[in-house]
Amino acid sequence: MDSINGKFYCVNAVRLDEFSSACALAIVNSEKQDLDTLEFERCGFDLHKDISFAAHYLKISENFYAIRDGLLKSQQPTYKIKDYGDAVIVINSYGDTLFYEGKP
């Protein structure tokens, strides 16, 4: 649970069916109302380690999904951060490199 612009949100994980690894993450407000969902064909992340809020974004592993007024702007990540140990690369949703730090 975290706050964005003074409003509290949390994320609930829901398995879509018992025969596949598909799941959804629901953004829930403090009144426990579902505001929006993010669906995945395969849930390959740890719900306790890989999911957090970062400013106006929901961070899942290396992907950042923009949240505005409790709603996700897209089912696709707005930014992706790749950490290669000696280099960090930030990539936007169009595949353009926005920031690069490290050896060329």
C-alpha atoms as a PDB file:
ATOM      1  CA  MET A   1       0.000   0.000   0.000  1.00  0.00           C
ATOM      2  CA  ASP A   2       1.218   3.496  -0.822  1.00  0.00           C
ATOM      3  CA  SER A   3      -0.124   6.962  -1.516  1.00  0.00           C
ATOM      4  CA  ILE A   4      -0.161   8.989  -4.724  1.00  0.00           C
ATOM      5  CA  ASN A   5      -1.287  12.622  -4.456  1.00  0.00           C
ATOM      6  CA  GLY A   6      -2.618  11.959  -0.967  1.00  0.00           C
ATOM      7  CA  LYS A   7      -4.777   8.992  -2.045  1.00  0.00           C
ATOM      8  CA  PHE A   8      -3.956   5.526  -0.757  1.00  0.00           C
ATOM      9  CA  TYR A   9      -3.719   2.559  -3.121  1.00  0.00           C
ATOM     10  CA  CYS A  10      -2.792  -1.077  -2.834  1.00  0.00           C
ATOM     11  CA  VAL A  11      -2.413  -3.947  -5.287  1.00  0.00           C
ATOM     12  CA  ASN A  12      -4.304  -7.235  -5.073  1.00  0.00           C
ATOM     13  CA  ALA A  13      -3.225 -10.233  -7.128  1.00  0.00           C
ATOM     14  CA  VAL A  14      -5.868 -12.449  -8.691  1.00  0.00           C
ATOM     15  CA  ARG A  15      -5.256 -15.719 -10.545  1.00  0.00           C
ATOM     16  CA  LEU A  16      -7.464 -15.682 -13.657  1.00  0.00           C
ATOM     17  CA  ASP A  17      -7.904 -19.451 -13.808  1.00  0.00           C
ATOM     18  CA  GLU A  18      -6.418 -22.514 -12.177  1.00  0.00           C
ATOM     19  CA  PHE A  19      -5.214 -24.095 -15.435  1.00  0.00           C
ATOM     20  CA  SER A  20      -2.760 -21.429 -16.599  1.00  0.00           C
ATOM     21  CA  SER A  21      -0.324 -18.999 -15.067  1.00  0.00           C
ATOM     22  CA  ALA A  22      -2.398 -15.952 -16.139  1.00  0.00           C
ATOM     23  CA  CYS A  23      -3.115 -13.385 -13.457  1.00  0.00           C
ATOM     24  CA  ALA A  24      -4.246  -9.820 -12.896  1.00  0.00           C
ATOM     25  CA  LEU A  25      -3.108  -7.127 -10.515  1.00  0.00           C
ATOM     26  CA  ALA A  26      -5.955  -4.932  -9.302  1.00  0.00           C
ATOM     27  CA  ILE A  27      -5.332  -1.406  -8.062  1.00  0.00           C
ATOM     28  CA  VAL A  28      -7.581  -0.889  -5.048  1.00  0.00           C
ATOM     29  CA  ASN A  29      -8.294   2.345  -3.177  1.00  0.00           C
ATOM     30  CA  SER A  30      -8.622   2.804   0.579  1.00  0.00           C
ATOM     31  CA  GLU A  31     -12.370   2.024   0.356  1.00  0.00           C
ATOM     32  CA  LYS A  32     -11.405  -1.369  -1.143  1.00  0.00           C
ATOM     33  CA  GLN A  33     -12.896  -0.517  -4.535  1.00  0.00           C
ATOM     34  CA  ASP A  34     -11.198  -1.990  -7.604  1.00  0.00           C
ATOM     35  CA  LEU A  35     -10.103   0.913  -9.798  1.00  0.00           C
ATOM     36  CA  ASP A  36      -8.210  -0.786 -12.618  1.00  0.00           C
ATOM     37  CA  THR A  37      -6.463  -4.045 -13.470  1.00  0.00           C
ATOM     38  CA  LEU A  38      -3.274  -5.032 -15.201  1.00  0.00           C
ATOM     39  CA  GLU A  39      -3.464  -8.467 -16.819  1.00  0.00           C
ATOM     40  CA  PHE A  40      -0.570 -10.842 -17.510  1.00  0.00           C
ATOM     41  CA  GLU A  41      -0.471 -14.045 -19.520  1.00  0.00           C
ATOM     42  CA  ARG A  42       2.209 -15.330 -17.168  1.00  0.00           C
ATOM     43  CA  CYS A  43       2.834 -14.179 -13.607  1.00  0.00           C
ATOM     44  CA  GLY A  44       6.580 -14.522 -13.457  1.00  0.00           C
ATOM     45  CA  PHE A  45       7.181 -12.143 -10.584  1.00  0.00           C
ATOM     46  CA  ASP A  46       7.284 -12.295  -6.809  1.00  0.00           C
ATOM     47  CA  LEU A  47       4.311 -10.411  -5.368  1.00  0.00           C
ATOM     48  CA  HIS A  48       6.231  -9.395  -2.232  1.00  0.00           C
ATOM     49  CA  LYS A  49       9.595  -8.434  -3.753  1.00  0.00           C
ATOM     50  CA  ASP A  50       8.882  -7.250  -7.295  1.00  0.00           C
ATOM     51  CA  ILE A  51       5.839  -4.986  -6.854  1.00  0.00           C
ATOM     52  CA  SER A  52       5.930  -1.492  -5.389  1.00  0.00           C
ATOM     53  CA  PHE A  53       4.812   2.070  -6.011  1.00  0.00           C
ATOM     54  CA  ALA A  54       7.321   4.652  -7.241  1.00  0.00           C
ATOM     55  CA  ALA A  55       5.984   8.219  -7.477  1.00  0.00           C
ATOM     56  CA  HIS A  56       3.121   8.010 -10.029  1.00  0.00           C
ATOM     57  CA  TYR A  57       4.057   4.529 -11.215  1.00  0.00           C
ATOM     58  CA  LEU A  58       3.383   0.929 -10.326  1.00  0.00           C
ATOM     59  CA  LYS A  59       6.753  -0.832 -10.447  1.00  0.00           C
ATOM     60  CA  ILE A  60       6.759  -4.512 -11.354  1.00  0.00           C
ATOM     61  CA  SER A  61      10.276  -5.932 -11.563  1.00  0.00           C
ATOM     62  CA  GLU A  62      12.014  -3.626 -14.081  1.00  0.00           C
ATOM     63  CA  ASN A  63       8.792  -2.202 -15.589  1.00  0.00           C
ATOM     64  CA  PHE A  64       7.042   1.033 -14.610  1.00  0.00           C
ATOM     65  CA  TYR A  65       3.314   1.473 -15.372  1.00  0.00           C
ATOM     66  CA  ALA A  66       1.954   5.037 -15.181  1.00  0.00           C
ATOM     67  CA  ILE A  67      -0.965   5.624 -12.798  1.00  0.00           C
ATOM     68  CA  ARG A  68      -3.136   8.726 -13.105  1.00  0.00           C
ATOM     69  CA  ASP A  69      -6.214   9.247 -10.899  1.00  0.00           C
ATOM     70  CA  GLY A  70      -6.088   5.602  -9.818  1.00  0.00           C
ATOM     71  CA  LEU A  71      -6.136   4.304 -13.403  1.00  0.00           C
ATOM     72  CA  LEU A  72      -3.362   2.733 -15.442  1.00  0.00           C
ATOM     73  CA  LYS A  73      -2.541   4.700 -18.585  1.00  0.00           C
ATOM     74  CA  SER A  74      -1.746   1.522 -20.521  1.00  0.00           C
ATOM     75  CA  GLN A  75      -1.430  -2.249 -20.227  1.00  0.00           C
ATOM     76  CA  GLN A  76       2.129  -1.748 -21.524  1.00  0.00           C
ATOM     77  CA  PRO A  77       4.924  -0.360 -19.322  1.00  0.00           C
ATOM     78  CA  THR A  78       5.675   3.342 -19.705  1.00  0.00           C
ATOM     79  CA  TYR A  79       9.349   2.792 -18.822  1.00  0.00           C
ATOM     80  CA  LYS A  80      11.665  -0.141 -18.411  1.00  0.00           C
ATOM     81  CA  ILE A  81      14.914   0.018 -16.476  1.00  0.00           C
ATOM     82  CA  LYS A  82      17.643  -2.452 -17.325  1.00  0.00           C
ATOM     83  CA  ASP A  83      20.468  -2.825 -14.835  1.00  0.00           C
ATOM     84  CA  TYR A  84      23.537  -4.546 -16.219  1.00  0.00           C
ATOM     85  CA  GLY A  85      25.735  -4.068 -13.162  1.00  0.00           C
ATOM     86  CA  ASP A  86      28.102  -1.518 -14.706  1.00  0.00           C
ATOM     87  CA  ALA A  87      25.390   0.186 -16.789  1.00  0.00           C
ATOM     88  CA  VAL A  88      21.798   1.331 -16.298  1.00  0.00           C
ATOM     89  CA  ILE A  89      19.494   1.947 -19.272  1.00  0.00           C
ATOM     90  CA  VAL A  90      16.009   3.547 -19.180  1.00  0.00           C
ATOM     91  CA  ILE A  91      13.808   2.692 -22.171  1.00  0.00           C
ATOM     92  CA  ASN A  92      10.412   4.264 -22.930  1.00  0.00           C
ATOM     93  CA  SER A  93       7.339   2.483 -24.318  1.00  0.00           C
ATOM     94  CA  TYR A  94       8.460   3.217 -27.899  1.00  0.00           C
ATOM     95  CA  GLY A  95      11.783   1.424 -27.375  1.00  0.00           C
ATOM     96  CA  ASP A  96      13.813   4.648 -27.299  1.00  0.00           C
ATOM     97  CA  THR A  97      16.696   4.875 -24.835  1.00  0.00           C
ATOM     98  CA  LEU A  98      16.086   7.879 -22.580  1.00  0.00           C
ATOM     99  CA  PHE A  99      19.009   7.551 -20.221  1.00  0.00           C
ATOM    100  CA  TYR A 100      22.196   5.586 -20.295  1.00  0.00           C
ATOM    101  CA  GLU A 101      24.837   5.390 -17.595  1.00  0.00           C
ATOM    102  CA  GLY A 102      27.867   3.201 -17.980  1.00  0.00           C
ATOM    103  CA  LYS A 103      30.577   2.225 -20.399  1.00  0.00           C
ATOM    104  CA  PRO A 104      29.652   2.383 -24.093  1.00  0.00           C
END
